[in-house]
N, C-alpha and C. Protein backbone atom coordinates (compact mmCIF):
# COMPACT_ATOMS: atom_id res chain seq x y z
N MET A 1 146.36 92.05 -36.19
CA MET A 1 146.92 93.07 -35.72
C MET A 1 148.13 93.99 -36.65
N GLY A 2 149.17 93.18 -37.08
CA GLY A 2 150.18 93.87 -38.09
C GLY A 2 149.61 93.98 -39.36
N GLY A 3 147.99 93.67 -39.79
CA GLY A 3 147.27 93.91 -40.88
C GLY A 3 146.97 95.17 -40.87
N ARG A 4 146.36 95.49 -39.68
CA ARG A 4 145.77 96.79 -39.20
C ARG A 4 146.93 97.85 -39.34
N ASP A 5 147.70 97.80 -38.54
CA ASP A 5 149.08 98.75 -38.60
C ASP A 5 149.89 98.76 -40.05
N ASN A 6 149.63 97.95 -40.58
CA ASN A 6 149.73 98.03 -42.29
C ASN A 6 149.18 99.04 -43.06
N ILE A 7 148.04 98.85 -42.85
CA ILE A 7 146.98 99.59 -43.68
C ILE A 7 146.86 101.04 -42.86
N TYR A 8 147.13 101.18 -41.48
CA TYR A 8 147.18 102.40 -40.73
C TYR A 8 148.59 103.38 -41.57
N SER A 9 149.97 102.56 -41.45
CA SER A 9 151.06 103.52 -42.45
C SER A 9 150.57 103.97 -43.60
N GLN A 10 149.99 102.95 -44.23
CA GLN A 10 149.74 103.35 -45.22
C GLN A 10 148.94 104.51 -45.86
N ILE A 11 147.66 104.82 -45.11
CA ILE A 11 147.01 105.81 -45.10
C ILE A 11 147.39 106.88 -44.52
N VAL A 12 148.44 107.11 -43.55
CA VAL A 12 149.52 107.64 -43.46
C VAL A 12 150.15 108.54 -44.27
N ASN A 13 151.10 107.44 -44.92
CA ASN A 13 151.73 107.98 -46.19
C ASN A 13 151.13 108.60 -47.39
N LEU A 14 149.95 107.70 -47.26
CA LEU A 14 149.13 108.35 -48.81
C LEU A 14 149.02 110.00 -48.24
N ALA A 15 148.36 110.18 -46.77
CA ALA A 15 147.62 111.66 -46.43
C ALA A 15 148.31 112.61 -46.71
N LYS A 16 150.31 111.90 -46.44
CA LYS A 16 151.32 113.24 -46.52
C LYS A 16 151.46 113.98 -47.92
N ILE A 17 151.24 112.83 -48.65
CA ILE A 17 151.13 112.97 -49.80
C ILE A 17 150.07 113.66 -50.78
N MET A 18 149.06 113.50 -50.69
CA MET A 18 147.53 113.81 -50.76
C MET A 18 147.28 115.51 -50.13
N LEU A 19 147.42 115.39 -49.28
CA LEU A 19 146.97 116.38 -48.26
C LEU A 19 147.80 117.88 -48.97
N PRO A 20 149.08 117.92 -48.69
CA PRO A 20 149.70 118.86 -49.70
C PRO A 20 149.20 119.24 -51.00
N ILE A 21 148.95 118.30 -51.94
CA ILE A 21 148.54 118.42 -53.44
C ILE A 21 147.33 119.11 -53.11
N GLY A 22 146.13 118.65 -52.03
CA GLY A 22 144.81 119.22 -52.39
C GLY A 22 144.96 120.38 -51.84
N ALA A 23 145.67 120.77 -50.89
CA ALA A 23 145.67 122.51 -50.34
C ALA A 23 146.16 123.44 -51.38
N ILE A 24 147.22 122.81 -52.23
CA ILE A 24 147.49 123.45 -53.56
C ILE A 24 146.60 123.66 -54.57
N GLY A 25 145.98 122.36 -54.48
CA GLY A 25 144.41 122.72 -55.37
C GLY A 25 143.47 123.86 -54.86
N LEU A 26 142.97 123.75 -53.82
CA LEU A 26 142.21 124.35 -53.18
C LEU A 26 142.94 126.10 -53.35
N LEU A 27 143.83 126.23 -53.00
CA LEU A 27 144.75 127.91 -53.23
C LEU A 27 144.47 128.54 -54.64
N SER A 28 145.19 127.50 -55.30
CA SER A 28 144.54 127.85 -56.75
C SER A 28 143.04 128.04 -57.16
N THR A 29 142.39 127.44 -57.33
CA THR A 29 140.86 127.53 -57.06
C THR A 29 140.50 128.65 -56.71
N LEU A 30 141.13 129.05 -55.51
CA LEU A 30 141.09 130.63 -54.80
C LEU A 30 141.30 131.93 -55.47
N PHE A 31 142.60 131.55 -56.16
CA PHE A 31 143.31 132.39 -57.07
C PHE A 31 142.56 132.53 -58.22
N LEU A 32 141.76 131.64 -58.53
CA LEU A 32 140.87 131.58 -60.01
C LEU A 32 139.75 132.43 -59.78
N PHE A 33 139.09 131.95 -58.39
CA PHE A 33 137.68 132.60 -58.50
C PHE A 33 137.56 133.90 -57.83
N ALA A 34 138.63 134.26 -57.20
CA ALA A 34 138.58 135.74 -56.81
C ALA A 34 138.90 136.65 -57.52
N ARG A 35 138.90 136.43 -58.87
CA ARG A 35 138.95 137.45 -59.92
C ARG A 35 137.38 138.22 -60.41
N ALA A 36 137.53 139.11 -60.64
CA ALA A 36 135.96 139.56 -61.25
C ALA A 36 135.78 139.19 -62.61
N PRO A 37 134.36 138.78 -62.70
CA PRO A 37 134.25 138.15 -64.10
C PRO A 37 134.45 139.05 -65.34
N GLY A 38 135.24 138.39 -66.47
CA GLY A 38 135.41 138.69 -67.40
C GLY A 38 136.76 139.23 -67.37
N GLU A 39 137.80 139.08 -66.10
CA GLU A 39 139.02 139.32 -65.86
C GLU A 39 140.21 138.24 -66.45
N PRO A 40 140.74 138.61 -67.19
CA PRO A 40 141.26 136.91 -67.42
C PRO A 40 142.73 136.84 -66.47
N THR A 41 142.74 135.40 -66.53
CA THR A 41 143.59 134.86 -65.60
C THR A 41 144.96 134.86 -65.76
N GLN A 42 146.15 134.90 -64.82
CA GLN A 42 147.30 135.22 -65.17
C GLN A 42 148.00 133.86 -64.47
N LEU A 43 147.17 133.17 -64.19
CA LEU A 43 147.81 131.42 -63.33
C LEU A 43 148.18 130.58 -64.11
N ASP A 44 149.39 130.39 -63.68
CA ASP A 44 149.96 129.54 -64.63
C ASP A 44 150.12 128.44 -64.17
N MET A 45 148.65 127.39 -64.91
CA MET A 45 148.50 126.05 -64.50
C MET A 45 150.10 125.13 -64.38
N THR A 46 150.68 125.15 -65.56
CA THR A 46 151.59 124.57 -65.48
C THR A 46 152.58 124.78 -64.20
N GLU A 47 152.97 125.63 -63.71
CA GLU A 47 153.02 125.88 -62.71
C GLU A 47 152.91 125.24 -61.32
N VAL A 48 151.72 125.43 -61.46
CA VAL A 48 150.52 124.75 -60.20
C VAL A 48 150.95 123.34 -60.21
N THR A 49 150.80 122.34 -61.15
CA THR A 49 151.05 121.41 -61.43
C THR A 49 152.47 120.68 -61.20
N GLU A 50 153.82 121.88 -61.35
CA GLU A 50 154.98 121.73 -61.19
C GLU A 50 155.04 121.56 -59.60
N ILE A 51 154.28 122.30 -58.68
CA ILE A 51 154.44 123.06 -57.63
C ILE A 51 153.97 121.57 -56.78
N ALA A 52 152.63 120.73 -57.29
CA ALA A 52 151.84 119.92 -56.38
C ALA A 52 153.00 118.77 -56.84
N ARG A 53 153.48 118.87 -57.99
CA ARG A 53 154.60 117.25 -58.02
C ARG A 53 155.68 117.51 -57.11
N GLU A 54 156.22 118.57 -57.29
CA GLU A 54 157.41 118.56 -55.86
C GLU A 54 157.03 119.32 -54.65
N GLN A 55 155.75 119.46 -54.61
CA GLN A 55 155.75 119.90 -53.15
C GLN A 55 156.33 121.08 -52.47
N ARG A 56 156.79 121.94 -53.57
CA ARG A 56 157.56 122.86 -53.36
C ARG A 56 156.84 124.46 -52.59
N LEU A 57 157.53 124.91 -51.72
CA LEU A 57 156.97 126.06 -50.91
C LEU A 57 157.76 127.20 -51.49
N SER A 58 157.01 128.08 -51.43
CA SER A 58 157.53 129.75 -52.33
C SER A 58 157.86 130.52 -51.11
N ALA A 59 158.82 131.09 -50.79
CA ALA A 59 159.24 132.06 -50.12
C ALA A 59 159.03 131.42 -48.54
N PRO A 60 159.80 130.50 -48.21
CA PRO A 60 159.44 130.05 -46.92
C PRO A 60 160.25 130.78 -45.50
N ARG A 61 159.73 130.70 -44.46
CA ARG A 61 160.63 131.59 -43.28
C ARG A 61 160.39 131.08 -42.33
N PHE A 62 161.60 130.84 -41.46
CA PHE A 62 161.55 129.21 -40.30
C PHE A 62 162.88 130.67 -39.31
N SER A 63 162.32 130.55 -38.01
CA SER A 63 162.94 131.44 -36.74
C SER A 63 162.83 130.93 -35.87
N GLY A 64 163.63 130.66 -34.51
CA GLY A 64 163.86 130.18 -33.39
C GLY A 64 164.88 131.07 -32.74
N VAL A 65 165.06 130.17 -31.28
CA VAL A 65 165.93 130.98 -30.40
C VAL A 65 167.05 129.98 -30.05
N THR A 66 168.34 130.09 -30.04
CA THR A 66 169.53 129.37 -29.78
C THR A 66 169.46 129.12 -28.11
N ASN A 67 170.20 128.25 -27.31
CA ASN A 67 170.39 128.14 -26.53
C ASN A 67 170.70 129.01 -25.54
N ASP A 68 171.56 129.89 -26.23
CA ASP A 68 172.69 131.10 -25.58
C ASP A 68 171.70 132.59 -25.82
N GLY A 69 170.32 132.48 -26.42
CA GLY A 69 169.46 133.38 -26.35
C GLY A 69 169.46 134.20 -27.75
N ALA A 70 170.14 133.77 -28.67
CA ALA A 70 170.25 134.64 -30.03
C ALA A 70 169.09 133.98 -30.71
N THR A 71 168.61 134.98 -31.76
CA THR A 71 167.87 134.87 -32.61
C THR A 71 168.06 134.54 -34.01
N LEU A 72 167.53 133.57 -34.30
CA LEU A 72 167.73 133.18 -35.59
C LEU A 72 166.74 133.29 -36.64
N SER A 73 167.10 133.64 -38.18
CA SER A 73 166.11 133.63 -38.83
C SER A 73 166.38 133.02 -40.16
N ILE A 74 165.67 132.17 -40.58
CA ILE A 74 166.16 131.38 -41.80
C ILE A 74 165.20 131.98 -42.98
N SER A 75 165.73 132.26 -44.21
CA SER A 75 164.31 132.47 -45.92
C SER A 75 164.67 131.68 -46.69
N ALA A 76 164.23 131.64 -47.54
CA ALA A 76 164.97 131.12 -48.99
C ALA A 76 163.40 131.53 -50.32
N ARG A 77 164.19 131.63 -51.49
CA ARG A 77 163.50 132.00 -52.22
C ARG A 77 162.22 130.56 -52.45
N ALA A 78 162.54 129.07 -52.27
CA ALA A 78 161.91 127.95 -52.36
C ALA A 78 162.20 127.16 -51.46
N ALA A 79 161.54 126.24 -51.31
CA ALA A 79 161.77 124.84 -50.55
C ALA A 79 161.07 123.87 -50.79
N HIS A 80 161.97 122.83 -51.07
CA HIS A 80 161.30 121.17 -51.07
C HIS A 80 161.46 120.14 -50.21
N PRO A 81 161.14 119.36 -50.30
CA PRO A 81 161.43 118.20 -49.51
C PRO A 81 162.66 117.32 -50.07
N SER A 82 163.76 116.73 -49.15
CA SER A 82 164.26 115.76 -50.41
C SER A 82 163.56 114.72 -50.37
N PRO A 83 163.73 113.97 -51.62
CA PRO A 83 163.46 112.76 -51.72
C PRO A 83 164.78 111.31 -50.95
N ALA A 84 165.69 112.14 -50.59
CA ALA A 84 166.23 111.02 -50.12
C ALA A 84 165.75 110.96 -48.68
N ASP A 85 165.57 112.31 -48.12
CA ASP A 85 165.40 112.03 -46.55
C ASP A 85 164.07 112.88 -46.37
N PRO A 86 163.02 112.51 -45.49
CA PRO A 86 162.26 113.63 -45.48
C PRO A 86 162.10 114.58 -43.99
N ALA A 87 163.75 114.30 -43.55
CA ALA A 87 163.79 115.22 -42.34
C ALA A 87 164.21 116.14 -42.96
N VAL A 88 164.76 116.54 -44.13
CA VAL A 88 165.89 117.14 -44.66
C VAL A 88 164.92 118.38 -46.14
N ILE A 89 165.00 119.59 -46.05
CA ILE A 89 164.15 120.45 -46.37
C ILE A 89 165.26 121.19 -47.65
N LEU A 90 165.05 120.88 -49.07
CA LEU A 90 166.15 121.45 -49.65
C LEU A 90 165.39 122.68 -50.10
N THR A 91 166.73 123.81 -50.04
CA THR A 91 166.35 125.28 -50.27
C THR A 91 167.21 125.83 -51.60
N ASP A 92 166.66 126.91 -51.82
CA ASP A 92 167.19 127.80 -53.19
C ASP A 92 167.24 129.23 -52.73
N ASP A 93 168.49 129.80 -52.70
CA ASP A 93 168.52 131.14 -52.43
C ASP A 93 168.66 131.10 -50.58
N MET A 94 169.20 130.63 -50.16
CA MET A 94 168.81 130.36 -48.89
C MET A 94 169.53 131.66 -47.98
N ARG A 95 168.69 132.29 -46.88
CA ARG A 95 169.56 133.41 -46.41
C ARG A 95 169.03 133.02 -44.49
N MET A 96 170.32 133.39 -43.70
CA MET A 96 169.85 132.83 -42.19
C MET A 96 170.54 134.64 -41.74
N GLN A 97 170.13 135.08 -40.88
CA GLN A 97 170.74 136.06 -40.05
C GLN A 97 170.35 136.01 -38.03
N MET A 98 171.64 135.87 -37.71
CA MET A 98 171.41 135.35 -36.53
C MET A 98 171.99 136.70 -35.33
N ASP A 99 170.67 137.15 -34.60
CA ASP A 99 171.19 138.31 -34.07
C ASP A 99 171.57 138.06 -32.32
N ASN A 100 172.67 138.20 -32.07
CA ASN A 100 173.32 137.55 -30.89
C ASN A 100 173.43 138.55 -29.79
N PRO A 101 172.86 138.08 -28.47
CA PRO A 101 172.66 138.95 -27.20
C PRO A 101 173.33 140.02 -26.74
N ASP A 102 174.83 140.15 -27.56
CA ASP A 102 175.54 141.48 -27.96
C ASP A 102 175.49 142.28 -28.30
N GLY A 103 174.57 142.05 -29.26
CA GLY A 103 173.70 143.24 -29.97
C GLY A 103 174.58 143.01 -31.70
N SER A 104 175.58 142.23 -31.60
CA SER A 104 176.28 141.95 -32.96
C SER A 104 175.10 140.84 -33.73
N ASN A 105 175.82 140.88 -35.31
CA ASN A 105 175.20 140.07 -35.96
C ASN A 105 175.48 139.61 -37.04
N ILE A 106 175.37 138.37 -37.48
CA ILE A 106 175.93 137.51 -38.72
C ILE A 106 174.71 137.14 -39.53
N THR A 107 175.30 137.27 -41.01
CA THR A 107 174.36 137.05 -42.08
C THR A 107 174.99 135.90 -43.06
N VAL A 108 174.16 134.78 -43.34
CA VAL A 108 174.93 133.72 -44.26
C VAL A 108 173.90 133.62 -45.31
N THR A 109 174.85 133.85 -46.74
CA THR A 109 173.80 133.54 -47.87
C THR A 109 174.13 132.70 -48.62
N THR A 110 173.19 131.69 -49.30
CA THR A 110 173.98 130.94 -50.49
C THR A 110 172.96 130.64 -51.30
N THR A 111 173.17 130.43 -52.89
CA THR A 111 172.24 130.06 -53.58
C THR A 111 171.30 128.62 -53.33
N SER A 112 172.25 127.70 -52.88
CA SER A 112 171.39 126.51 -52.44
C SER A 112 172.28 125.90 -51.07
N GLY A 113 171.05 125.39 -50.36
CA GLY A 113 171.06 125.15 -49.11
C GLY A 113 170.38 123.67 -48.33
N GLU A 114 170.41 123.49 -47.26
CA GLU A 114 169.03 122.50 -46.66
C GLU A 114 169.15 122.40 -45.04
N LEU A 115 168.19 122.20 -45.05
CA LEU A 115 167.65 122.52 -43.50
C LEU A 115 167.38 120.67 -42.99
N ASN A 116 168.12 120.10 -42.23
CA ASN A 116 167.64 119.05 -40.90
C ASN A 116 167.35 118.93 -40.08
N GLY A 117 165.50 118.69 -39.93
CA GLY A 117 164.95 119.03 -38.80
C GLY A 117 165.52 118.17 -37.83
N SER A 118 166.02 116.79 -38.29
CA SER A 118 166.29 115.66 -36.90
C SER A 118 167.55 116.41 -36.15
N GLU A 119 168.55 116.91 -36.99
CA GLU A 119 170.00 117.36 -36.77
C GLU A 119 169.94 118.35 -35.95
N LYS A 120 168.74 119.54 -36.41
CA LYS A 120 168.85 121.08 -36.31
C LYS A 120 170.21 121.25 -37.08
N ILE A 121 170.46 121.41 -38.01
CA ILE A 121 171.18 121.91 -38.89
C ILE A 121 171.21 122.51 -40.21
N ALA A 122 171.45 123.55 -40.35
CA ALA A 122 171.28 124.54 -41.60
C ALA A 122 172.59 124.10 -42.36
N ARG A 123 172.55 123.93 -43.33
CA ARG A 123 173.56 123.47 -44.54
C ARG A 123 173.62 124.69 -45.54
N PHE A 124 174.50 125.14 -45.46
CA PHE A 124 174.79 126.23 -46.91
C PHE A 124 175.49 126.02 -47.52
N LEU A 125 175.17 124.96 -48.93
CA LEU A 125 175.96 124.48 -50.04
C LEU A 125 176.69 125.38 -50.92
N GLY A 126 177.85 124.81 -51.41
CA GLY A 126 178.46 125.37 -52.58
C GLY A 126 178.96 126.88 -52.04
N LEU A 127 179.53 127.91 -53.14
CA LEU A 127 179.91 129.26 -52.55
C LEU A 127 178.69 129.89 -51.49
N ALA A 128 179.60 129.89 -50.16
CA ALA A 128 178.36 131.08 -49.22
C ALA A 128 179.22 132.13 -48.50
N HIS A 129 178.37 133.56 -48.34
CA HIS A 129 179.03 134.63 -48.42
C HIS A 129 178.55 134.52 -46.69
N LEU A 130 179.71 135.41 -46.09
CA LEU A 130 179.19 135.61 -44.73
C LEU A 130 179.44 137.11 -43.97
N GLU A 131 178.56 137.48 -43.42
CA GLU A 131 179.04 139.14 -42.90
C GLU A 131 178.60 139.34 -41.43
N THR A 132 179.35 139.84 -40.93
CA THR A 132 179.28 140.18 -39.70
C THR A 132 179.02 141.81 -39.29
N SER A 133 178.23 142.03 -38.81
CA SER A 133 177.77 143.25 -38.00
C SER A 133 179.41 144.12 -37.34
N THR A 134 180.11 143.55 -37.25
CA THR A 134 181.82 143.79 -36.96
C THR A 134 182.41 143.90 -38.15
N GLY A 135 181.93 144.05 -39.32
CA GLY A 135 183.24 144.84 -40.59
C GLY A 135 183.57 143.87 -40.92
N TYR A 136 183.76 142.51 -40.74
CA TYR A 136 183.87 140.82 -41.50
C TYR A 136 183.02 140.33 -42.59
N ALA A 137 183.68 139.78 -43.90
CA ALA A 137 183.02 139.60 -44.88
C ALA A 137 183.74 138.38 -45.31
N MET A 138 183.27 137.39 -45.78
CA MET A 138 184.09 136.06 -45.88
C MET A 138 183.38 135.51 -47.07
N GLU A 139 184.23 134.54 -47.73
CA GLU A 139 183.54 133.40 -48.69
C GLU A 139 184.18 132.59 -48.42
N THR A 140 183.43 131.39 -48.37
CA THR A 140 183.96 129.99 -48.56
C THR A 140 183.16 128.66 -49.16
N ASN A 141 183.58 128.01 -49.21
CA ASN A 141 182.81 126.62 -49.91
C ASN A 141 181.99 126.03 -48.72
N GLY A 142 180.83 126.45 -48.18
CA GLY A 142 180.21 125.51 -47.38
C GLY A 142 180.11 126.12 -46.29
N ILE A 143 179.14 126.23 -45.43
CA ILE A 143 178.74 126.48 -43.83
C ILE A 143 178.12 125.67 -43.29
N THR A 144 178.30 125.26 -41.82
CA THR A 144 177.44 124.79 -41.20
C THR A 144 176.65 125.92 -40.18
N ALA A 145 175.64 125.24 -39.84
CA ALA A 145 175.25 126.11 -38.58
C ALA A 145 174.27 125.20 -37.91
N VAL A 146 174.46 124.92 -36.55
CA VAL A 146 173.82 124.11 -35.49
C VAL A 146 172.77 125.26 -35.02
N LEU A 147 171.40 125.04 -35.02
CA LEU A 147 170.28 125.63 -34.78
C LEU A 147 170.44 126.34 -33.28
N ASP A 148 170.28 124.82 -32.37
CA ASP A 148 169.89 124.72 -31.19
C ASP A 148 171.00 125.59 -30.35
N THR A 149 172.72 125.44 -31.06
CA THR A 149 173.57 125.43 -30.00
C THR A 149 173.97 127.40 -30.87
N GLY A 150 173.73 127.67 -31.85
CA GLY A 150 174.04 128.94 -32.72
C GLY A 150 175.58 128.61 -33.14
N VAL A 151 176.54 127.37 -33.02
CA VAL A 151 177.70 127.41 -33.52
C VAL A 151 177.56 127.47 -35.20
N ILE A 152 178.30 128.42 -35.65
CA ILE A 152 178.28 128.12 -37.33
C ILE A 152 179.81 127.62 -37.60
N THR A 153 180.29 127.05 -38.90
CA THR A 153 181.73 126.64 -38.59
C THR A 153 181.69 126.79 -40.70
N SER A 154 182.74 127.24 -40.88
CA SER A 154 183.20 126.83 -42.39
C SER A 154 183.31 125.31 -42.65
N ASP A 155 183.31 125.14 -43.92
CA ASP A 155 183.30 123.71 -44.62
C ASP A 155 184.90 123.87 -45.26
N GLY A 156 184.95 124.98 -45.52
CA GLY A 156 186.27 125.01 -46.47
C GLY A 156 186.91 126.25 -46.45
N HIS A 157 188.13 126.45 -47.16
CA HIS A 157 188.82 127.73 -46.83
C HIS A 157 188.06 128.73 -47.27
N LEU A 158 188.66 129.87 -46.13
CA LEU A 158 188.20 131.32 -46.16
C LEU A 158 188.83 132.51 -47.10
N GLU A 159 188.31 133.29 -47.52
CA GLU A 159 188.91 134.37 -47.97
C GLU A 159 188.06 135.28 -47.45
N ILE A 160 188.77 136.37 -46.29
CA ILE A 160 188.17 137.46 -45.39
C ILE A 160 188.96 138.51 -45.56
N ARG A 161 187.48 139.52 -45.71
CA ARG A 161 188.04 141.14 -45.93
C ARG A 161 187.50 141.54 -44.23
N ALA A 162 188.33 142.28 -43.62
CA ALA A 162 188.20 142.40 -42.09
C ALA A 162 188.56 144.08 -42.20
N PRO A 163 188.37 144.53 -40.97
CA PRO A 163 188.50 145.78 -40.74
C PRO A 163 190.11 145.82 -41.02
N LEU A 164 190.70 145.15 -40.47
CA LEU A 164 192.21 145.51 -40.17
C LEU A 164 193.00 144.77 -41.34
N GLY A 165 192.22 144.49 -42.28
CA GLY A 165 193.52 144.05 -43.94
C GLY A 165 192.10 142.77 -43.92
N GLU A 166 193.21 141.67 -45.14
CA GLU A 166 192.85 140.79 -45.43
C GLU A 166 193.55 139.63 -44.98
N LEU A 167 192.22 138.49 -44.40
CA LEU A 167 192.82 137.16 -43.66
C LEU A 167 192.43 136.01 -45.04
N THR A 168 193.52 134.99 -44.66
CA THR A 168 192.99 134.10 -45.23
C THR A 168 193.10 132.78 -44.43
N ALA A 169 191.95 131.46 -43.95
CA ALA A 169 192.33 130.55 -42.98
C ALA A 169 191.47 129.35 -43.50
N GLY A 170 191.99 128.43 -42.89
CA GLY A 170 191.53 126.73 -43.33
C GLY A 170 189.98 126.79 -42.97
N LYS A 171 189.73 127.35 -41.60
CA LYS A 171 188.44 127.49 -40.98
C LYS A 171 188.34 128.27 -40.28
N VAL A 172 187.01 128.68 -39.86
CA VAL A 172 186.08 129.81 -38.92
C VAL A 172 185.29 129.07 -38.16
N THR A 173 185.36 129.38 -36.65
CA THR A 173 183.79 129.14 -35.85
C THR A 173 183.55 130.00 -35.30
N PHE A 174 182.43 130.68 -35.16
CA PHE A 174 181.50 131.28 -34.49
C PHE A 174 180.62 130.55 -33.28
N GLN A 175 181.12 131.44 -31.79
CA GLN A 175 180.28 130.35 -30.84
C GLN A 175 180.61 131.52 -29.47
N MET A 176 179.34 131.25 -28.98
CA MET A 176 179.53 132.14 -27.61
C MET A 176 180.59 131.82 -26.80
N ALA A 177 180.42 132.56 -25.98
CA ALA A 177 182.10 132.55 -25.00
C ALA A 177 181.14 132.04 -23.77
N SER A 178 182.03 131.65 -22.73
CA SER A 178 181.67 131.27 -21.65
C SER A 178 180.65 132.37 -20.87
N GLY A 179 179.15 131.98 -20.60
CA GLY A 179 178.66 132.81 -19.83
C GLY A 179 177.66 133.46 -20.86
N GLY A 180 177.96 132.66 -22.18
CA GLY A 180 177.04 133.39 -23.03
C GLY A 180 176.65 134.87 -23.42
N ALA A 181 177.84 135.61 -22.93
CA ALA A 181 177.46 137.03 -22.92
C ALA A 181 178.21 137.29 -24.34
N ILE A 182 179.31 137.26 -25.08
CA ILE A 182 179.64 137.76 -26.17
C ILE A 182 180.31 136.46 -26.95
N GLN A 183 180.19 137.15 -28.37
CA GLN A 183 180.42 135.84 -29.40
C GLN A 183 181.63 135.97 -29.96
N GLN A 184 182.22 134.28 -29.80
CA GLN A 184 183.93 134.48 -30.30
C GLN A 184 183.73 134.28 -31.80
N MET A 185 184.64 135.04 -32.24
CA MET A 185 184.77 134.29 -33.77
C MET A 185 186.47 133.70 -33.68
N LEU A 186 186.98 132.36 -34.20
CA LEU A 186 187.65 131.81 -34.06
C LEU A 186 188.61 131.19 -35.20
N PHE A 187 189.42 131.77 -35.97
CA PHE A 187 190.22 131.26 -36.97
C PHE A 187 191.47 130.01 -36.78
N THR A 188 191.38 129.05 -37.68
CA THR A 188 192.10 128.07 -37.69
C THR A 188 192.72 127.58 -38.70
N ASN A 189 193.71 126.85 -38.96
CA ASN A 189 193.99 125.77 -39.72
C ASN A 189 194.81 126.69 -40.69
N GLY A 190 196.22 127.28 -40.45
CA GLY A 190 196.72 128.20 -41.41
C GLY A 190 196.34 129.51 -41.56
N VAL A 191 196.23 130.25 -40.61
CA VAL A 191 195.99 131.45 -40.37
C VAL A 191 197.03 132.97 -41.28
N LYS A 192 196.64 133.55 -42.62
CA LYS A 192 197.50 134.62 -42.52
C LYS A 192 196.63 135.75 -42.72
N LEU A 193 197.23 136.80 -42.08
CA LEU A 193 197.16 138.16 -42.26
C LEU A 193 197.71 139.24 -43.07
N ILE A 194 196.94 140.20 -44.01
CA ILE A 194 197.71 141.25 -44.55
C ILE A 194 197.42 142.20 -43.99
N TYR A 195 197.70 142.70 -43.08
CA TYR A 195 197.72 144.21 -42.67
C TYR A 195 197.55 145.37 -43.62
N THR A 196 196.41 146.11 -43.31
CA THR A 196 196.47 147.10 -44.40
C THR A 196 196.08 148.62 -43.34
N PRO A 197 197.24 149.22 -42.96
CA PRO A 197 197.15 150.21 -41.58
C PRO A 197 196.06 151.33 -42.25
N LYS A 198 195.22 152.07 -41.23
CA LYS A 198 193.92 153.23 -42.02
C LYS A 198 195.12 154.05 -42.14
N GLU A 199 194.88 155.05 -43.08
CA GLU A 199 195.64 155.94 -43.41
C GLU A 199 194.92 157.24 -42.46
């Protein structure tokens, strides 16, 4: 019985590798035969081989709804599974937009990130940019978004351009207020404000 389970596991693991490679091979064949006879092909076979080896996906897009009714949309230039954890997807040029029930929205961008399916977390690694529809623009070294609750937290010190001036803070957290009607923006850990009055 144990031997059958072992064989079954091996087949499943092999299928996980071979099926994406086979799909990419079929797609590359479609591109080759979709051209009129005599037309030169522009398909770079070295790139196809690279995609097959890395199981890389171009321009992926993920979307969902948080527990409080906010709509999440995450896109990237490219994505591929993490060699260390199959539940994690590594991304290039990742972007997330969250549209809140109160009509406000938040956009987060970074050059590299990761999506953890088991933990339902999106991590924006390195220098991350965050902008709100209410006029706040921030830069920080890493941002974490919990996809089911919609809570967004900075991982490092923040430089913030705000409608009322310039802010610095050790941390910012975005979360829905009690009742889920309005999103709160909470700055903590040494907040400093340079107020710039409007002329």
